[in-house]
N, C-alpha and C. Protein backbone atom coordinates (compact mmCIF):
# COMPACT_ATOMS: atom_id res chain seq x y z
N MET A 1 26.20 -2.82 -14.62
CA MET A 1 25.26 -2.15 -13.70
C MET A 1 23.91 -3.30 -14.06
N LYS A 2 23.75 -3.76 -12.92
CA LYS A 2 22.29 -4.48 -13.06
C LYS A 2 20.96 -4.07 -13.72
N LYS A 3 20.40 -4.27 -14.71
CA LYS A 3 19.26 -4.05 -15.13
C LYS A 3 18.04 -3.95 -14.40
N ALA A 4 17.29 -2.96 -14.16
CA ALA A 4 16.11 -2.99 -13.32
C ALA A 4 14.86 -3.81 -13.93
N LYS A 5 13.93 -4.54 -13.40
CA LYS A 5 13.05 -5.12 -13.82
C LYS A 5 11.62 -4.52 -13.35
N THR A 6 10.40 -3.99 -13.93
CA THR A 6 9.24 -3.79 -13.93
C THR A 6 8.62 -4.91 -13.61
N TYR A 7 7.39 -4.43 -12.93
CA TYR A 7 6.25 -5.57 -12.50
C TYR A 7 4.82 -4.80 -12.69
N GLY A 8 4.30 -4.67 -13.99
CA GLY A 8 3.04 -4.39 -14.33
C GLY A 8 2.77 -3.07 -14.84
N LEU A 9 3.83 -2.57 -15.64
CA LEU A 9 3.52 -0.95 -16.26
C LEU A 9 2.16 -1.10 -17.09
N THR A 10 2.28 -2.41 -18.02
CA THR A 10 1.31 -2.63 -18.77
C THR A 10 1.41 -1.48 -20.27
N HIS A 11 1.13 -0.30 -20.04
CA HIS A 11 1.16 0.68 -20.97
C HIS A 11 1.14 1.98 -20.32
N ILE A 12 2.39 2.85 -20.70
CA ILE A 12 2.17 4.05 -20.35
C ILE A 12 3.08 5.17 -21.28
N ALA A 13 2.53 6.34 -21.45
CA ALA A 13 2.96 7.19 -22.40
C ALA A 13 3.44 8.57 -21.70
N ILE A 14 4.79 8.98 -22.09
CA ILE A 14 5.21 10.00 -21.41
C ILE A 14 5.80 10.96 -22.50
N ALA A 15 5.29 12.33 -22.05
CA ALA A 15 5.99 13.26 -23.21
C ALA A 15 7.29 13.69 -22.51
N VAL A 16 8.22 13.78 -23.61
CA VAL A 16 9.57 13.97 -23.65
C VAL A 16 10.21 14.92 -24.27
N LYS A 17 11.24 15.52 -24.09
CA LYS A 17 11.94 16.67 -25.04
C LYS A 17 12.92 16.24 -25.93
N ASP A 18 13.52 14.85 -25.63
CA ASP A 18 14.59 14.23 -26.47
C ASP A 18 14.31 13.03 -26.86
N LEU A 19 13.81 12.23 -27.83
CA LEU A 19 13.93 10.70 -27.87
C LEU A 19 15.22 10.18 -27.85
N ASP A 20 16.04 10.56 -28.50
CA ASP A 20 17.03 10.03 -28.29
C ASP A 20 18.01 9.74 -27.14
N ARG A 21 18.02 10.75 -26.67
CA ARG A 21 18.78 10.76 -25.13
C ARG A 21 17.62 9.86 -24.04
N THR A 22 16.27 9.93 -24.21
CA THR A 22 15.46 9.19 -23.57
C THR A 22 15.71 7.62 -23.67
N LEU A 23 15.60 7.28 -25.18
CA LEU A 23 16.03 5.95 -25.42
C LEU A 23 17.29 5.61 -24.70
N ALA A 24 18.59 6.22 -25.16
CA ALA A 24 19.81 5.82 -24.20
C ALA A 24 19.48 5.26 -22.92
N PHE A 25 19.15 6.48 -22.16
CA PHE A 25 18.37 6.15 -20.47
C PHE A 25 17.78 5.01 -20.30
N TYR A 26 16.64 4.74 -20.81
CA TYR A 26 15.93 3.73 -20.79
C TYR A 26 16.53 2.36 -21.13
N GLN A 27 17.38 2.32 -22.28
CA GLN A 27 18.17 0.96 -22.63
C GLN A 27 19.33 1.09 -21.69
N LYS A 28 20.05 1.70 -21.14
CA LYS A 28 20.91 1.38 -20.15
C LYS A 28 20.20 1.01 -18.60
N VAL A 29 18.98 1.57 -18.22
CA VAL A 29 18.68 1.23 -17.11
C VAL A 29 17.56 0.13 -16.91
N PHE A 30 16.72 0.10 -18.03
CA PHE A 30 16.07 -0.97 -18.26
C PHE A 30 15.84 -2.10 -19.24
N ASP A 31 17.00 -1.85 -19.92
CA ASP A 31 17.29 -2.78 -21.33
C ASP A 31 16.29 -2.57 -22.38
N VAL A 32 15.45 -1.74 -22.37
CA VAL A 32 14.16 -1.78 -23.35
C VAL A 32 14.72 -2.22 -24.68
N GLU A 33 13.72 -2.69 -25.65
CA GLU A 33 13.84 -3.04 -26.68
C GLU A 33 12.96 -2.06 -27.81
N VAL A 34 13.53 -1.60 -28.75
CA VAL A 34 12.64 -0.54 -29.31
C VAL A 34 11.63 -1.48 -30.34
N MET A 35 10.35 -0.97 -30.34
CA MET A 35 9.26 -1.44 -31.20
C MET A 35 8.93 -0.55 -32.18
N TYR A 36 8.80 0.73 -32.17
CA TYR A 36 8.91 1.64 -33.05
C TYR A 36 9.45 2.80 -32.94
N HIS A 37 10.15 3.46 -34.03
CA HIS A 37 10.78 4.85 -33.61
C HIS A 37 10.71 5.75 -34.86
N GLN A 38 9.89 6.61 -34.47
CA GLN A 38 9.60 7.76 -35.72
C GLN A 38 10.08 9.10 -35.28
N ASN A 39 10.04 10.20 -36.28
CA ASN A 39 10.50 11.48 -35.62
C ASN A 39 9.98 12.15 -34.14
N ASN A 40 8.67 11.79 -33.95
CA ASN A 40 8.02 12.50 -32.54
C ASN A 40 7.44 11.45 -31.88
N PHE A 41 7.83 10.26 -32.06
CA PHE A 41 7.32 8.90 -31.48
C PHE A 41 8.49 7.67 -31.35
N LEU A 42 8.36 7.15 -29.94
CA LEU A 42 9.26 6.10 -29.86
C LEU A 42 8.13 5.13 -28.67
N GLN A 43 8.33 3.83 -29.31
CA GLN A 43 7.51 3.03 -28.54
C GLN A 43 8.49 1.89 -28.03
N VAL A 44 8.55 1.38 -26.84
CA VAL A 44 9.69 0.39 -26.46
C VAL A 44 9.00 -0.55 -25.54
N THR A 45 9.60 -1.81 -25.40
CA THR A 45 8.96 -2.72 -24.37
C THR A 45 10.18 -3.22 -23.52
N THR A 46 9.86 -3.81 -22.54
CA THR A 46 10.93 -4.22 -21.32
C THR A 46 11.10 -5.75 -21.76
N PRO A 47 12.27 -6.20 -21.45
CA PRO A 47 12.32 -7.79 -22.04
C PRO A 47 11.84 -8.45 -20.81
N GLY A 48 11.16 -9.58 -21.00
CA GLY A 48 10.47 -10.63 -20.02
C GLY A 48 9.14 -9.82 -19.17
N ALA A 49 8.71 -8.70 -19.69
CA ALA A 49 7.73 -8.33 -19.04
C ALA A 49 6.40 -7.88 -20.33
N ASN A 50 5.46 -7.32 -19.91
CA ASN A 50 4.52 -6.91 -20.90
C ASN A 50 4.40 -5.54 -20.88
N ASP A 51 5.59 -4.80 -20.61
CA ASP A 51 5.27 -3.24 -20.47
C ASP A 51 5.64 -2.88 -21.81
N ILE A 52 4.78 -1.63 -22.20
CA ILE A 52 5.04 -1.14 -23.47
C ILE A 52 4.99 0.28 -22.77
N ILE A 53 6.18 1.02 -23.31
CA ILE A 53 6.08 2.53 -22.64
C ILE A 53 6.38 3.47 -24.08
N VAL A 54 5.60 4.29 -24.20
CA VAL A 54 5.63 5.19 -25.27
C VAL A 54 6.21 6.53 -24.85
N PHE A 55 7.08 6.98 -25.90
CA PHE A 55 7.52 8.60 -25.43
C PHE A 55 7.26 9.24 -26.70
N GLU A 56 6.48 10.36 -26.58
CA GLU A 56 6.31 11.40 -27.51
C GLU A 56 6.79 12.54 -27.31
N ARG A 57 7.62 13.04 -28.13
CA ARG A 57 8.27 14.42 -28.42
C ARG A 57 7.19 15.26 -28.18
N GLU A 58 7.05 16.23 -27.45
CA GLU A 58 5.99 17.32 -27.30
C GLU A 58 7.05 18.48 -26.59
N LYS A 59 7.10 19.68 -27.22
CA LYS A 59 7.61 20.60 -26.66
C LYS A 59 6.86 21.64 -25.47
N ALA A 60 5.32 21.46 -25.82
CA ALA A 60 4.64 21.87 -24.64
C ALA A 60 4.30 21.07 -23.43
N ASN A 61 4.40 19.76 -23.37
CA ASN A 61 3.90 19.26 -22.04
C ASN A 61 5.15 18.70 -21.27
N TYR A 62 6.54 18.19 -21.85
CA TYR A 62 7.29 17.70 -21.07
C TYR A 62 7.76 18.44 -19.86
N GLY A 63 7.82 17.48 -18.67
CA GLY A 63 7.94 18.14 -17.39
C GLY A 63 7.03 18.85 -16.53
N LYS A 64 6.00 18.64 -17.24
CA LYS A 64 4.66 19.39 -16.85
C LYS A 64 3.49 18.36 -15.91
N THR A 65 2.74 18.73 -15.40
CA THR A 65 1.46 18.18 -14.81
C THR A 65 0.69 17.76 -16.12
N GLY A 66 0.27 16.45 -16.51
CA GLY A 66 -0.16 16.21 -17.43
C GLY A 66 0.70 15.77 -18.69
N GLY A 67 2.10 15.55 -18.21
CA GLY A 67 2.96 15.00 -19.29
C GLY A 67 3.03 13.68 -19.29
N ILE A 68 2.34 12.82 -18.37
CA ILE A 68 1.96 11.39 -18.52
C ILE A 68 0.58 11.10 -18.63
N ALA A 69 0.53 10.12 -19.73
CA ALA A 69 -0.97 9.65 -19.97
C ALA A 69 -0.93 8.04 -19.56
N LEU A 70 -1.68 7.85 -18.59
CA LEU A 70 -1.54 6.57 -18.29
C LEU A 70 -2.92 5.71 -18.65
N SER A 71 -2.59 4.21 -19.22
CA SER A 71 -3.61 3.56 -19.87
C SER A 71 -3.80 2.32 -19.26
N VAL A 72 -4.62 1.64 -18.49
CA VAL A 72 -4.93 0.43 -17.89
C VAL A 72 -5.66 -0.51 -18.18
N PHE A 73 -5.26 -1.69 -18.77
CA PHE A 73 -6.12 -2.51 -19.77
C PHE A 73 -6.34 -3.73 -18.88
N ASP A 74 -7.83 -4.09 -18.46
CA ASP A 74 -8.15 -5.33 -17.71
C ASP A 74 -7.81 -6.59 -18.48
C-alpha cells in the first residue's frame, strides 16, 4: 500500500478511544513516527512534513463534535 502524504496539517489534536489501535492505523496509512507515547497521550509526526498529530484517550469526547481541537500557527 502506498503511504499517503499530507500537506499542511501543522498541529491537530484528536480525541480517541484506543491509542494503540489508532497508532497502528496511522502508521499503516500515513507512516507516522512516534514522538511521545504515554498512557493517555500519543504524539506522532509524518515523515517529510511538519505535521504533528496528538491523540488523547478520552472516554467522553471521542466520536463527538468537539472531539477535534485544531491549532494553527503562523
